[in-house]
Amino acid sequence: MLHDLLLLSTFQKIWQQLNQWDTELFLQINTRWTNGFLDSVFPWWRDANTWIPLYLFLIVFALMNFKQKALPWILFAVITVVLTDQVSSTLLKNWVARPRPCQEGALLGQMRLLLSGCSGGYSFTSSHATNHFGFAMYVCMTLNPILKKWGKVFFIWAATISYGQVYVGVHYPIDVLCGGLLGCGLGYMTARFFNKYFGLPSFDENQPTAVI
């Protein structure tokens, strides 16, 4: 019993220190490392609807180059996004129940909220970070023979969207960091499964392709 109490006390002290550092870094990003250009870009950049053309492009790209063999790839891409979203939004957020920074009374007057309102639900983990890093890992691993080193661009894309969540005031840095790691892990699992049991055919250099 005493051992459990000491362990709990140690954990609470560690979390208090991490939470303090997390809050300080949040305020640094949200209120100090700012400018007018980023203020106008990030609310739009981190919006999921902004990237619908990219998703449509990838679907068309896969269908034009791999025909019916692209259908499992599209299906597992959807599975990846659904899995990352459910694990983050339904499981972890409700379990941890960490308020968003824009819901914290202690931060009112200190932080900036660049959206029309504070997003509902809890803060940990960031579903934006989980979803985008999961999708980036899936795309990078399954299309590696085609994308090669350019696959890393998807991780940069996911990182900037995740950073934007802190910048606009709806997530703490730890939320997006852990969300990104969780997304990478889940995306790795779905990509490994797809590559093992399905996989996309390699481009035949001697045959014309419909690459766009």
C-alpha atoms as a PDB file:
ATOM      1  CA  MET A   1       0.000   0.000   0.000  1.00  0.00           C
ATOM      2  CA  LEU A   2       2.749   2.447   0.965  1.00  0.00           C
ATOM      3  CA  HIS A   3       4.686   1.502  -2.175  1.00  0.00           C
ATOM      4  CA  ASP A   4       1.623   2.254  -4.330  1.00  0.00           C
ATOM      5  CA  LEU A   5       1.125   5.640  -2.659  1.00  0.00           C
ATOM      6  CA  LEU A   6       4.764   6.583  -3.175  1.00  0.00           C
ATOM      7  CA  LEU A   7       4.558   5.508  -6.833  1.00  0.00           C
ATOM      8  CA  LEU A   8       1.399   7.557  -7.342  1.00  0.00           C
ATOM      9  CA  SER A   9       2.969  10.576  -5.666  1.00  0.00           C
ATOM     10  CA  THR A  10       6.071  10.302  -7.866  1.00  0.00           C
ATOM     11  CA  PHE A  11       3.935  10.023 -10.983  1.00  0.00           C
ATOM     12  CA  GLN A  12       1.918  13.085  -9.970  1.00  0.00           C
ATOM     13  CA  LYS A  13       5.084  15.127  -9.432  1.00  0.00           C
ATOM     14  CA  ILE A  14       6.470  14.077 -12.799  1.00  0.00           C
ATOM     15  CA  TRP A  15       3.192  14.958 -14.525  1.00  0.00           C
ATOM     16  CA  GLN A  16       3.016  18.342 -12.785  1.00  0.00           C
ATOM     17  CA  GLN A  17       6.494  19.180 -14.042  1.00  0.00           C
ATOM     18  CA  LEU A  18       5.724  17.947 -17.576  1.00  0.00           C
ATOM     19  CA  ASN A  19       2.449  19.866 -17.567  1.00  0.00           C
ATOM     20  CA  GLN A  20       4.253  23.033 -16.522  1.00  0.00           C
ATOM     21  CA  TRP A  21       6.819  22.696 -19.313  1.00  0.00           C
ATOM     22  CA  ASP A  22       4.061  21.795 -21.762  1.00  0.00           C
ATOM     23  CA  THR A  23       2.048  24.885 -20.849  1.00  0.00           C
ATOM     24  CA  GLU A  24       5.100  27.149 -21.089  1.00  0.00           C
ATOM     25  CA  LEU A  25       5.952  25.798 -24.549  1.00  0.00           C
ATOM     26  CA  PHE A  26       2.321  26.150 -25.601  1.00  0.00           C
ATOM     27  CA  LEU A  27       2.306  29.831 -24.623  1.00  0.00           C
ATOM     28  CA  GLN A  28       5.623  30.335 -26.393  1.00  0.00           C
ATOM     29  CA  ILE A  29       4.244  28.936 -29.654  1.00  0.00           C
ATOM     30  CA  ASN A  30       0.772  30.439 -29.316  1.00  0.00           C
ATOM     31  CA  THR A  31       1.667  33.966 -28.189  1.00  0.00           C
ATOM     32  CA  ARG A  32       5.333  34.691 -28.926  1.00  0.00           C
ATOM     33  CA  TRP A  33       6.510  32.780 -32.013  1.00  0.00           C
ATOM     34  CA  THR A  34       3.817  34.426 -34.086  1.00  0.00           C
ATOM     35  CA  ASN A  35       3.294  36.788 -37.000  1.00  0.00           C
ATOM     36  CA  GLY A  36       0.415  38.035 -39.117  1.00  0.00           C
ATOM     37  CA  PHE A  37       1.122  35.651 -41.996  1.00  0.00           C
ATOM     38  CA  LEU A  38       0.991  32.536 -39.798  1.00  0.00           C
ATOM     39  CA  ASP A  39      -2.104  33.910 -38.056  1.00  0.00           C
ATOM     40  CA  SER A  40      -3.921  33.897 -41.393  1.00  0.00           C
ATOM     41  CA  VAL A  41      -2.477  30.618 -42.723  1.00  0.00           C
ATOM     42  CA  PHE A  42      -2.687  28.134 -39.841  1.00  0.00           C
ATOM     43  CA  PRO A  43      -6.475  28.291 -39.205  1.00  0.00           C
ATOM     44  CA  TRP A  44      -6.926  27.311 -42.871  1.00  0.00           C
ATOM     45  CA  TRP A  45      -3.924  24.968 -43.071  1.00  0.00           C
ATOM     46  CA  ARG A  46      -5.004  22.744 -40.144  1.00  0.00           C
ATOM     47  CA  ASP A  47      -8.572  22.410 -41.433  1.00  0.00           C
ATOM     48  CA  ALA A  48      -9.241  18.861 -42.715  1.00  0.00           C
ATOM     49  CA  ASN A  49     -11.402  20.188 -45.576  1.00  0.00           C
ATOM     50  CA  THR A  50      -8.369  21.997 -46.991  1.00  0.00           C
ATOM     51  CA  TRP A  51      -6.787  18.672 -47.925  1.00  0.00           C
ATOM     52  CA  ILE A  52      -9.729  17.025 -49.710  1.00  0.00           C
ATOM     53  CA  PRO A  53      -8.108  17.780 -53.128  1.00  0.00           C
ATOM     54  CA  LEU A  54      -4.941  15.956 -51.997  1.00  0.00           C
ATOM     55  CA  TYR A  55      -6.912  12.865 -50.978  1.00  0.00           C
ATOM     56  CA  LEU A  56      -8.812  12.897 -54.279  1.00  0.00           C
ATOM     57  CA  PHE A  57      -5.534  13.254 -56.166  1.00  0.00           C
ATOM     58  CA  LEU A  58      -4.058  10.208 -54.416  1.00  0.00           C
ATOM     59  CA  ILE A  59      -7.178   8.151 -55.195  1.00  0.00           C
ATOM     60  CA  VAL A  60      -7.054   9.158 -58.866  1.00  0.00           C
ATOM     61  CA  PHE A  61      -3.300   8.539 -58.957  1.00  0.00           C
ATOM     62  CA  ALA A  62      -3.737   5.016 -57.568  1.00  0.00           C
ATOM     63  CA  LEU A  63      -6.650   4.148 -59.872  1.00  0.00           C
ATOM     64  CA  MET A  64      -4.932   5.427 -63.008  1.00  0.00           C
ATOM     65  CA  ASN A  65      -1.695   3.583 -62.299  1.00  0.00           C
ATOM     66  CA  PHE A  66      -2.870   0.378 -60.609  1.00  0.00           C
ATOM     67  CA  LYS A  67      -6.478  -0.006 -61.848  1.00  0.00           C
ATOM     68  CA  GLN A  68      -8.444  -2.541 -59.740  1.00  0.00           C
ATOM     69  CA  LYS A  69      -5.365  -3.364 -57.665  1.00  0.00           C
ATOM     70  CA  ALA A  70      -5.657   0.142 -56.231  1.00  0.00           C
ATOM     71  CA  LEU A  71      -8.939  -0.676 -54.495  1.00  0.00           C
ATOM     72  CA  PRO A  72      -7.341  -2.532 -51.534  1.00  0.00           C
ATOM     73  CA  TRP A  73      -4.884   0.358 -51.163  1.00  0.00           C
ATOM     74  CA  ILE A  74      -7.736   2.863 -50.986  1.00  0.00           C
ATOM     75  CA  LEU A  75      -9.632   0.632 -48.548  1.00  0.00           C
ATOM     76  CA  PHE A  76      -6.658   0.348 -46.194  1.00  0.00           C
ATOM     77  CA  ALA A  77      -6.058   4.091 -46.415  1.00  0.00           C
ATOM     78  CA  VAL A  78      -9.614   4.596 -45.163  1.00  0.00           C
ATOM     79  CA  ILE A  79      -9.106   1.931 -42.474  1.00  0.00           C
ATOM     80  CA  THR A  80      -5.949   3.743 -41.344  1.00  0.00           C
ATOM     81  CA  VAL A  81      -7.757   7.064 -40.927  1.00  0.00           C
ATOM     82  CA  VAL A  82     -10.750   5.477 -39.162  1.00  0.00           C
ATOM     83  CA  LEU A  83      -8.474   3.497 -36.828  1.00  0.00           C
ATOM     84  CA  THR A  84      -6.298   6.478 -35.896  1.00  0.00           C
ATOM     85  CA  ASP A  85      -9.336   8.681 -35.343  1.00  0.00           C
ATOM     86  CA  GLN A  86     -11.183   6.163 -33.166  1.00  0.00           C
ATOM     87  CA  VAL A  87      -8.182   5.280 -31.008  1.00  0.00           C
ATOM     88  CA  SER A  88      -7.412   8.957 -30.442  1.00  0.00           C
ATOM     89  CA  SER A  89     -10.911  10.455 -30.200  1.00  0.00           C
ATOM     90  CA  THR A  90     -12.949   7.628 -28.674  1.00  0.00           C
ATOM     91  CA  LEU A  91     -10.427   5.796 -26.494  1.00  0.00           C
ATOM     92  CA  LEU A  92      -7.611   8.069 -25.356  1.00  0.00           C
ATOM     93  CA  LYS A  93      -9.390  11.422 -25.196  1.00  0.00           C
ATOM     94  CA  ASN A  94     -12.227  10.099 -23.058  1.00  0.00           C
ATOM     95  CA  TRP A  95      -9.850   8.092 -20.885  1.00  0.00           C
ATOM     96  CA  VAL A  96      -7.315  10.863 -20.185  1.00  0.00           C
ATOM     97  CA  ALA A  97      -9.955  13.657 -20.229  1.00  0.00           C
ATOM     98  CA  ARG A  98      -7.430  16.479 -20.480  1.00  0.00           C
ATOM     99  CA  PRO A  99      -9.086  19.868 -21.145  1.00  0.00           C
ATOM    100  CA  ARG A 100      -7.973  21.824 -24.174  1.00  0.00           C
ATOM    101  CA  PRO A 101      -5.889  24.950 -23.502  1.00  0.00           C
ATOM    102  CA  CYS A 102      -8.750  27.092 -24.804  1.00  0.00           C
ATOM    103  CA  GLN A 103     -10.956  25.527 -22.087  1.00  0.00           C
ATOM    104  CA  GLU A 104      -8.524  26.243 -19.250  1.00  0.00           C
ATOM    105  CA  GLY A 105      -9.671  29.147 -17.103  1.00  0.00           C
ATOM    106  CA  ALA A 106      -6.113  29.721 -15.873  1.00  0.00           C
ATOM    107  CA  LEU A 107      -5.007  30.486 -19.450  1.00  0.00           C
ATOM    108  CA  LEU A 108      -7.775  32.953 -20.273  1.00  0.00           C
ATOM    109  CA  GLY A 109      -6.209  36.300 -21.072  1.00  0.00           C
ATOM    110  CA  GLN A 110      -2.807  34.698 -21.663  1.00  0.00           C
ATOM    111  CA  MET A 111      -3.409  32.617 -24.804  1.00  0.00           C
ATOM    112  CA  ARG A 112      -4.837  33.369 -28.239  1.00  0.00           C
ATOM    113  CA  LEU A 113      -7.636  31.415 -29.911  1.00  0.00           C
ATOM    114  CA  LEU A 114      -7.475  31.914 -33.673  1.00  0.00           C
ATOM    115  CA  LEU A 115     -10.621  29.908 -34.450  1.00  0.00           C
ATOM    116  CA  SER A 116     -14.235  31.017 -34.189  1.00  0.00           C
ATOM    117  CA  GLY A 117     -14.686  28.820 -31.125  1.00  0.00           C
ATOM    118  CA  CYS A 118     -12.916  26.282 -28.931  1.00  0.00           C
ATOM    119  CA  SER A 119     -13.169  22.788 -30.385  1.00  0.00           C
ATOM    120  CA  GLY A 120     -15.326  20.381 -28.400  1.00  0.00           C
ATOM    121  CA  GLY A 121     -14.032  17.309 -26.633  1.00  0.00           C
ATOM    122  CA  TYR A 122     -10.751  16.747 -24.866  1.00  0.00           C
ATOM    123  CA  SER A 123      -7.177  17.549 -25.790  1.00  0.00           C
ATOM    124  CA  PHE A 124      -5.028  14.394 -25.433  1.00  0.00           C
ATOM    125  CA  THR A 125      -4.185  13.078 -27.909  1.00  0.00           C
ATOM    126  CA  SER A 126      -4.573  15.391 -30.895  1.00  0.00           C
ATOM    127  CA  SER A 127      -6.693  13.565 -33.458  1.00  0.00           C
ATOM    128  CA  HIS A 128      -5.349  15.852 -36.186  1.00  0.00           C
ATOM    129  CA  ALA A 129      -1.809  14.729 -35.370  1.00  0.00           C
ATOM    130  CA  THR A 130      -2.779  11.064 -35.018  1.00  0.00           C
ATOM    131  CA  ASN A 131      -4.751  10.988 -38.264  1.00  0.00           C
ATOM    132  CA  HIS A 132      -2.255  12.870 -40.408  1.00  0.00           C
ATOM    133  CA  PHE A 133       0.847  11.078 -39.142  1.00  0.00           C
ATOM    134  CA  GLY A 134      -0.941   7.745 -39.475  1.00  0.00           C
ATOM    135  CA  PHE A 135      -1.889   8.566 -43.056  1.00  0.00           C
ATOM    136  CA  ALA A 136       1.616   9.859 -43.797  1.00  0.00           C
ATOM    137  CA  MET A 137       3.197   6.637 -42.514  1.00  0.00           C
ATOM    138  CA  TYR A 138       0.757   4.493 -44.497  1.00  0.00           C
ATOM    139  CA  VAL A 139       1.326   6.407 -47.752  1.00  0.00           C
ATOM    140  CA  CYS A 140       5.098   6.547 -47.294  1.00  0.00           C
ATOM    141  CA  MET A 141       5.430   2.798 -46.636  1.00  0.00           C
ATOM    142  CA  THR A 142       2.990   1.539 -49.265  1.00  0.00           C
ATOM    143  CA  LEU A 143       4.162   3.916 -52.014  1.00  0.00           C
ATOM    144  CA  ASN A 144       7.837   3.836 -51.081  1.00  0.00           C
ATOM    145  CA  PRO A 145       8.979   2.311 -54.428  1.00  0.00           C
ATOM    146  CA  ILE A 146       7.349   5.268 -56.188  1.00  0.00           C
ATOM    147  CA  LEU A 147       7.853   8.139 -53.756  1.00  0.00           C
ATOM    148  CA  LYS A 148      11.297   7.122 -52.449  1.00  0.00           C
ATOM    149  CA  LYS A 149      12.784  10.050 -50.501  1.00  0.00           C
ATOM    150  CA  TRP A 150       9.830  12.283 -51.437  1.00  0.00           C
ATOM    151  CA  GLY A 151       7.686  10.270 -49.043  1.00  0.00           C
ATOM    152  CA  LYS A 152       9.220  12.306 -46.230  1.00  0.00           C
ATOM    153  CA  VAL A 153       7.260  15.299 -47.495  1.00  0.00           C
ATOM    154  CA  PHE A 154       4.118  13.696 -46.061  1.00  0.00           C
ATOM    155  CA  PHE A 155       5.680  13.711 -42.590  1.00  0.00           C
ATOM    156  CA  ILE A 156       6.610  17.384 -42.957  1.00  0.00           C
ATOM    157  CA  TRP A 157       3.019  18.035 -44.045  1.00  0.00           C
ATOM    158  CA  ALA A 158       1.668  16.197 -40.977  1.00  0.00           C
ATOM    159  CA  ALA A 159       4.101  18.028 -38.676  1.00  0.00           C
ATOM    160  CA  THR A 160       3.056  21.471 -39.906  1.00  0.00           C
ATOM    161  CA  ILE A 161      -0.628  20.628 -39.443  1.00  0.00           C
ATOM    162  CA  SER A 162       0.105  19.361 -35.927  1.00  0.00           C
ATOM    163  CA  TYR A 163       2.103  22.489 -35.106  1.00  0.00           C
ATOM    164  CA  GLY A 164      -0.844  24.524 -36.354  1.00  0.00           C
ATOM    165  CA  GLN A 165      -3.057  22.897 -33.717  1.00  0.00           C
ATOM    166  CA  VAL A 166      -0.846  24.389 -31.012  1.00  0.00           C
ATOM    167  CA  TYR A 167      -0.470  27.700 -32.819  1.00  0.00           C
ATOM    168  CA  VAL A 168      -4.235  28.315 -33.086  1.00  0.00           C
ATOM    169  CA  GLY A 169      -4.765  27.414 -29.417  1.00  0.00           C
ATOM    170  CA  VAL A 170      -6.623  24.074 -29.380  1.00  0.00           C
ATOM    171  CA  HIS A 171      -3.847  21.667 -28.324  1.00  0.00           C
ATOM    172  CA  TYR A 172      -0.759  21.471 -26.136  1.00  0.00           C
ATOM    173  CA  PRO A 173       2.592  20.350 -27.614  1.00  0.00           C
ATOM    174  CA  ILE A 174       2.449  17.001 -25.765  1.00  0.00           C
ATOM    175  CA  ASP A 175      -0.959  16.342 -27.325  1.00  0.00           C
ATOM    176  CA  VAL A 176       0.405  16.599 -30.851  1.00  0.00           C
ATOM    177  CA  LEU A 177       3.710  14.869 -30.053  1.00  0.00           C
ATOM    178  CA  CYS A 178       1.990  11.807 -28.581  1.00  0.00           C
ATOM    179  CA  GLY A 179      -0.670  11.942 -31.275  1.00  0.00           C
ATOM    180  CA  GLY A 180       2.013  11.908 -33.943  1.00  0.00           C
ATOM    181  CA  LEU A 181       3.793   8.928 -32.367  1.00  0.00           C
ATOM    182  CA  LEU A 182       0.503   7.062 -31.986  1.00  0.00           C
ATOM    183  CA  GLY A 183      -0.428   7.784 -35.593  1.00  0.00           C
ATOM    184  CA  CYS A 184       2.938   6.577 -36.862  1.00  0.00           C
ATOM    185  CA  GLY A 185       2.537   3.340 -34.922  1.00  0.00           C
ATOM    186  CA  LEU A 186      -0.961   2.656 -36.227  1.00  0.00           C
ATOM    187  CA  GLY A 187      -0.031   3.665 -39.769  1.00  0.00           C
ATOM    188  CA  TYR A 188       2.967   1.340 -39.607  1.00  0.00           C
ATOM    189  CA  MET A 189       0.699  -1.558 -38.609  1.00  0.00           C
ATOM    190  CA  THR A 190      -1.822  -1.043 -41.410  1.00  0.00           C
ATOM    191  CA  ALA A 191       0.934  -0.476 -43.980  1.00  0.00           C
ATOM    192  CA  ARG A 192       2.798  -3.632 -42.926  1.00  0.00           C
ATOM    193  CA  PHE A 193      -0.416  -5.644 -43.174  1.00  0.00           C
ATOM    194  CA  PHE A 194      -1.237  -4.198 -46.609  1.00  0.00           C
ATOM    195  CA  ASN A 195       2.277  -4.739 -47.965  1.00  0.00           C
ATOM    196  CA  LYS A 196       2.355  -8.326 -46.693  1.00  0.00           C
ATOM    197  CA  TYR A 197      -1.028  -9.494 -47.958  1.00  0.00           C
ATOM    198  CA  PHE A 198      -1.749  -7.172 -50.879  1.00  0.00           C
ATOM    199  CA  GLY A 199       0.881  -4.684 -52.011  1.00  0.00           C
ATOM    200  CA  LEU A 200       0.946  -2.571 -55.129  1.00  0.00           C
ATOM    201  CA  PRO A 201       2.652  -3.819 -58.295  1.00  0.00           C
ATOM    202  CA  SER A 202       5.907  -2.155 -59.284  1.00  0.00           C
ATOM    203  CA  PHE A 203       5.951   0.180 -62.222  1.00  0.00           C
ATOM    204  CA  ASP A 204       7.242  -1.572 -65.333  1.00  0.00           C
ATOM    205  CA  GLU A 205       9.858   0.759 -66.743  1.00  0.00           C
ATOM    206  CA  ASN A 206       9.307  -0.719 -70.194  1.00  0.00           C
ATOM    207  CA  GLN A 207       5.585  -0.002 -70.211  1.00  0.00           C
ATOM    208  CA  PRO A 208       3.920   3.423 -70.330  1.00  0.00           C
ATOM    209  CA  THR A 209       2.155   4.380 -67.130  1.00  0.00           C
ATOM    210  CA  ALA A 210      -0.519   6.876 -66.251  1.00  0.00           C
ATOM    211  CA  VAL A 211       1.484   8.658 -63.596  1.00  0.00           C
ATOM    212  CA  ILE A 212       0.095  12.153 -62.998  1.00  0.00           C
END
